Amino acid sequence: MQHDSNTGVVDNGNKVRRWITYVAGIYILTLGLSLAVRAGIGISPQSSLTRTMTLVLPPLTQGNFNLILEVIMLIATFLVSPKRFRAANLLAMIPALILALLLDFNLSLTTWIHLGAYPPKLVLLFFADAMLAFGLFLMIRANLVLMPIDMFVNTLQQKTGWKWGNIKTAFDCTLLALSATIGLICLGAPHFIREGTIINAILVGQYIKLYFHLHGKYTARKSRARAVVNP
């Protein structure tokens, strides 16, 4: 989640309101992730890796593995640019922990969902990606703490000067390759990587663009109404 260039969306006002927005965003995001898992036709690269690891080491949950991945990314952020790393960066583990707990909660909440036919699975995935994207949108709007994974991508961008989108794409592809490799070695075949993975990669970005657009229209309408009341 890159906060740069989102100045028209971010909320720089009341901190309590922003934290409520942020946590609500995490909850909606994890609910979207959980529903995507239940759709059963492929999930995002990061989720496919953490979900695959639950089959390799069953005692641990997907939330556990997500938290482990965030810790690894925080360490990697320090290794990439130790001079820029600050003690305040450790605060990123607070939302990472909240996300891990809410992910496991929402996964347990959605265990009843079992879809047989393909069309309902596809509809559920589209809805799940819309929720996931809305959660990300709310987190961007709150403009608070970056998750360690996003912090790592941002640090790489600052260190190398490469485009943020290119680094994020390469990072996602690396996670996808790791997920497929671990699946092949430990489980005999890749798991959770299907057409839904490609759909997720396309849809989430488009949904976020839509939310930005709708927010822009809402803000403009609100400004016009205010101008009429207070000419």
Protein backbone atom coordinates (compact mmCIF):
# COMPACT_ATOMS: atom_id res chain seq x y z
CA MET A 1 0.00 0.00 0.00
CA GLN A 2 1.78 3.12 -1.19
CA HIS A 3 0.58 6.25 0.51
CA ASP A 4 2.24 8.64 -1.94
CA SER A 5 -0.03 10.23 -4.55
CA ASN A 6 -3.14 9.42 -2.48
CA THR A 7 -3.40 12.93 -1.05
CA GLY A 8 -6.96 13.36 -2.34
CA VAL A 9 -8.13 10.32 -0.40
CA VAL A 10 -6.15 10.22 2.83
CA ASP A 11 -7.71 11.47 6.05
CA ASN A 12 -5.29 13.62 8.05
CA GLY A 13 -7.84 14.56 10.69
CA ASN A 14 -8.86 13.03 14.00
CA LYS A 15 -6.52 10.16 15.00
CA VAL A 16 -9.24 8.16 16.77
CA ARG A 17 -11.43 8.25 13.66
CA ARG A 18 -8.49 7.21 11.50
CA TRP A 19 -7.63 4.25 13.76
CA ILE A 20 -11.27 3.11 13.66
CA THR A 21 -11.15 3.35 9.86
CA TYR A 22 -7.84 1.48 9.78
CA VAL A 23 -8.98 -1.42 11.96
CA ALA A 24 -12.28 -1.59 10.06
CA GLY A 25 -10.22 -1.80 6.88
CA ILE A 26 -8.17 -4.68 8.28
CA TYR A 27 -11.34 -6.52 9.28
CA ILE A 28 -12.99 -6.09 5.86
CA LEU A 29 -9.74 -7.07 4.13
CA THR A 30 -9.40 -10.28 6.16
CA LEU A 31 -13.07 -11.12 5.58
CA GLY A 32 -12.44 -10.71 1.85
CA LEU A 33 -9.38 -12.96 2.08
CA SER A 34 -11.39 -15.58 3.96
CA LEU A 35 -14.21 -15.54 1.40
CA ALA A 36 -11.67 -15.87 -1.42
CA VAL A 37 -10.28 -18.97 0.29
CA ARG A 38 -13.81 -20.41 0.57
CA ALA A 39 -14.46 -19.73 -3.14
CA GLY A 40 -11.83 -22.39 -3.79
CA ILE A 41 -10.70 -21.31 -7.26
CA GLY A 42 -7.42 -19.61 -6.40
CA ILE A 43 -6.24 -16.85 -4.08
CA SER A 44 -3.66 -14.05 -4.09
CA PRO A 45 0.09 -14.85 -4.17
CA GLN A 46 0.63 -13.92 -0.50
CA SER A 47 -2.42 -15.87 0.63
CA SER A 48 -1.48 -18.87 -1.51
CA LEU A 49 1.91 -19.06 0.22
CA THR A 50 0.57 -18.74 3.77
CA ARG A 51 -2.34 -21.09 2.99
CA THR A 52 0.00 -23.68 1.48
CA MET A 53 2.12 -23.57 4.63
CA THR A 54 -0.91 -24.57 6.72
CA LEU A 55 -0.94 -27.88 4.77
CA VAL A 56 2.81 -28.34 5.25
CA LEU A 57 2.75 -27.54 8.98
CA PRO A 58 -0.89 -28.10 10.03
CA PRO A 59 -0.58 -27.09 13.70
CA LEU A 60 -0.06 -23.48 12.61
CA THR A 61 -2.86 -21.34 11.17
CA GLN A 62 -2.82 -19.06 8.15
CA GLY A 63 -2.83 -16.09 10.51
CA ASN A 64 0.28 -17.51 12.19
CA PHE A 65 2.08 -17.84 8.87
CA ASN A 66 0.95 -14.39 7.78
CA LEU A 67 2.46 -12.94 10.97
CA ILE A 68 5.70 -14.91 10.39
CA LEU A 69 5.89 -13.51 6.85
CA GLU A 70 5.40 -9.96 8.15
CA VAL A 71 8.23 -10.47 10.69
CA ILE A 72 10.52 -11.73 7.91
CA MET A 73 9.64 -8.67 5.81
CA LEU A 74 10.36 -6.33 8.73
CA ILE A 75 13.80 -7.92 9.13
CA ALA A 76 14.35 -7.70 5.36
CA THR A 77 13.43 -3.98 5.49
CA PHE A 78 16.17 -3.45 8.08
CA LEU A 79 18.71 -5.42 6.04
CA VAL A 80 17.94 -3.49 2.85
CA SER A 81 18.35 -0.08 4.47
CA PRO A 82 19.59 -0.24 8.09
CA LYS A 83 20.38 3.50 8.17
CA ARG A 84 16.79 4.45 7.38
CA PHE A 85 15.27 1.95 9.79
CA ARG A 86 13.79 3.54 12.91
CA ALA A 87 12.50 2.07 16.16
CA ALA A 88 9.07 3.42 15.16
CA ASN A 89 9.07 0.94 12.26
CA LEU A 90 8.52 -1.81 14.84
CA LEU A 91 5.02 -0.40 15.36
CA ALA A 92 4.14 -2.03 12.04
CA MET A 93 3.87 -5.32 13.92
CA ILE A 94 0.78 -4.05 15.78
CA PRO A 95 -1.50 -3.97 12.69
CA ALA A 96 0.24 -7.14 11.44
CA LEU A 97 -0.79 -8.91 14.66
CA ILE A 98 -4.34 -7.53 14.41
CA LEU A 99 -4.54 -8.76 10.82
CA ALA A 100 -3.32 -12.24 11.79
CA LEU A 101 -5.90 -12.54 14.58
CA LEU A 102 -8.78 -11.24 12.43
CA LEU A 103 -7.77 -13.48 9.52
CA ASP A 104 -8.00 -16.60 11.68
CA PHE A 105 -11.25 -15.31 13.19
CA ASN A 106 -12.85 -14.75 9.78
CA LEU A 107 -11.57 -18.07 8.45
CA SER A 108 -13.28 -19.82 11.37
CA LEU A 109 -16.38 -17.69 10.79
CA THR A 110 -16.65 -18.82 7.15
CA THR A 111 -16.01 -22.56 7.57
CA TRP A 112 -19.69 -23.24 6.80
CA ILE A 113 -19.30 -22.02 3.20
CA HIS A 114 -19.07 -24.99 0.81
CA LEU A 115 -19.91 -24.27 -2.82
CA GLY A 116 -20.18 -27.06 -5.37
CA ALA A 117 -21.05 -25.37 -8.67
CA TYR A 118 -18.51 -23.17 -10.42
CA PRO A 119 -20.66 -20.03 -11.09
CA PRO A 120 -21.37 -19.37 -7.37
CA LYS A 121 -17.65 -19.83 -6.65
CA LEU A 122 -16.82 -17.21 -9.27
CA VAL A 123 -19.43 -14.80 -7.90
CA LEU A 124 -18.09 -15.29 -4.38
CA LEU A 125 -14.53 -14.60 -5.56
CA PHE A 126 -15.62 -11.36 -7.29
CA PHE A 127 -17.38 -10.28 -4.08
CA ALA A 128 -14.39 -11.33 -1.95
CA ASP A 129 -11.98 -9.28 -4.08
CA ALA A 130 -14.31 -6.28 -3.84
CA MET A 131 -14.24 -6.55 -0.03
CA LEU A 132 -10.48 -7.07 0.04
CA ALA A 133 -9.96 -3.98 -2.11
CA PHE A 134 -12.36 -1.91 0.03
CA GLY A 135 -10.42 -2.92 3.13
CA LEU A 136 -7.19 -1.76 1.46
CA PHE A 137 -8.90 1.49 0.43
CA LEU A 138 -9.92 2.21 4.03
CA MET A 139 -6.39 1.48 5.26
CA ILE A 140 -4.94 3.86 2.66
CA ARG A 141 -7.50 6.49 3.66
CA ALA A 142 -6.62 6.17 7.35
CA ASN A 143 -2.99 7.00 6.45
CA LEU A 144 -1.43 5.46 9.55
CA VAL A 145 1.04 2.56 9.79
CA LEU A 146 2.34 0.60 6.82
CA MET A 147 2.31 -3.18 7.11
CA PRO A 148 5.85 -4.67 7.07
CA ILE A 149 5.34 -6.10 3.56
CA ASP A 150 4.37 -2.68 2.19
CA MET A 151 7.20 -1.10 4.16
CA PHE A 152 9.65 -3.54 2.54
CA VAL A 153 8.40 -2.68 -0.98
CA ASN A 154 8.56 1.05 -0.20
CA THR A 155 12.11 0.70 1.17
CA LEU A 156 13.23 -1.17 -1.95
CA GLN A 157 11.69 1.56 -4.11
CA GLN A 158 13.54 4.27 -2.18
CA LYS A 159 16.80 2.30 -2.28
CA THR A 160 16.72 1.39 -5.97
CA GLY A 161 14.60 4.10 -7.57
CA TRP A 162 12.65 1.45 -9.47
CA LYS A 163 8.92 1.92 -10.01
CA TRP A 164 6.83 0.86 -7.01
CA GLY A 165 4.41 -1.12 -9.17
CA ASN A 166 7.23 -3.10 -10.79
CA ILE A 167 8.74 -3.98 -7.41
CA LYS A 168 5.33 -5.04 -6.06
CA THR A 169 4.70 -7.21 -9.12
CA ALA A 170 8.13 -8.86 -8.79
CA PHE A 171 7.51 -9.40 -5.07
CA ASP A 172 4.11 -11.02 -5.70
CA CYS A 173 5.61 -13.26 -8.40
CA THR A 174 8.34 -14.32 -5.96
CA LEU A 175 5.71 -15.30 -3.36
CA LEU A 176 3.78 -17.17 -6.04
CA ALA A 177 6.90 -19.07 -7.13
CA LEU A 178 7.67 -19.92 -3.49
CA SER A 179 4.12 -21.18 -2.97
CA ALA A 180 4.27 -23.35 -6.10
CA THR A 181 7.74 -24.71 -5.23
CA ILE A 182 6.80 -25.58 -1.65
CA GLY A 183 3.58 -27.19 -2.90
CA LEU A 184 5.50 -29.31 -5.43
CA ILE A 185 8.19 -30.39 -2.98
CA CYS A 186 6.09 -30.98 0.14
CA LEU A 187 2.61 -31.74 -1.22
CA GLY A 188 3.25 -33.14 -4.69
CA ALA A 189 1.52 -30.26 -6.50
CA PRO A 190 0.91 -26.51 -6.16
CA HIS A 191 -2.15 -25.62 -4.11
CA PHE A 192 -4.46 -22.56 -4.13
CA ILE A 193 -2.98 -21.24 -7.40
CA ARG A 194 -5.66 -21.22 -10.06
CA GLU A 195 -7.57 -18.83 -12.32
CA GLY A 196 -8.74 -17.02 -9.18
CA THR A 197 -5.13 -15.95 -8.58
CA ILE A 198 -5.08 -14.11 -11.91
CA ILE A 199 -8.57 -12.72 -11.33
CA ASN A 200 -7.43 -11.41 -7.94
CA ALA A 201 -4.36 -9.74 -9.47
CA ILE A 202 -6.54 -7.91 -11.98
CA LEU A 203 -9.66 -7.15 -9.97
CA VAL A 204 -8.24 -5.80 -6.72
CA GLY A 205 -6.41 -2.95 -8.45
CA GLN A 206 -9.47 -2.12 -10.55
CA TYR A 207 -11.76 -2.15 -7.51
CA ILE A 208 -9.41 0.23 -5.65
CA LYS A 209 -9.41 2.59 -8.67
CA LEU A 210 -13.22 2.47 -8.58
CA TYR A 211 -13.31 3.34 -4.87
CA PHE A 212 -10.89 6.24 -5.48
CA HIS A 213 -13.14 7.46 -8.31
CA LEU A 214 -16.33 7.19 -6.23
CA HIS A 215 -14.66 8.95 -3.31
CA GLY A 216 -13.54 11.74 -5.63
CA LYS A 217 -17.08 12.18 -6.97
CA TYR A 218 -18.50 12.16 -3.43
CA THR A 219 -15.97 14.76 -2.26
CA ALA A 220 -16.67 17.00 -5.26
CA ARG A 221 -20.43 16.79 -4.70
CA LYS A 222 -19.95 17.57 -1.02
CA SER A 223 -17.79 20.61 -1.88
CA ARG A 224 -20.40 21.91 -4.34
CA ALA A 225 -23.18 21.50 -1.76
CA ARG A 226 -21.07 23.37 0.82
CA ALA A 227 -20.43 26.17 -1.68
CA VAL A 228 -24.18 26.57 -2.28
CA VAL A 229 -24.92 26.77 1.45
CA ASN A 230 -22.00 29.12 2.15
CA PRO A 231 -21.57 31.21 -1.05
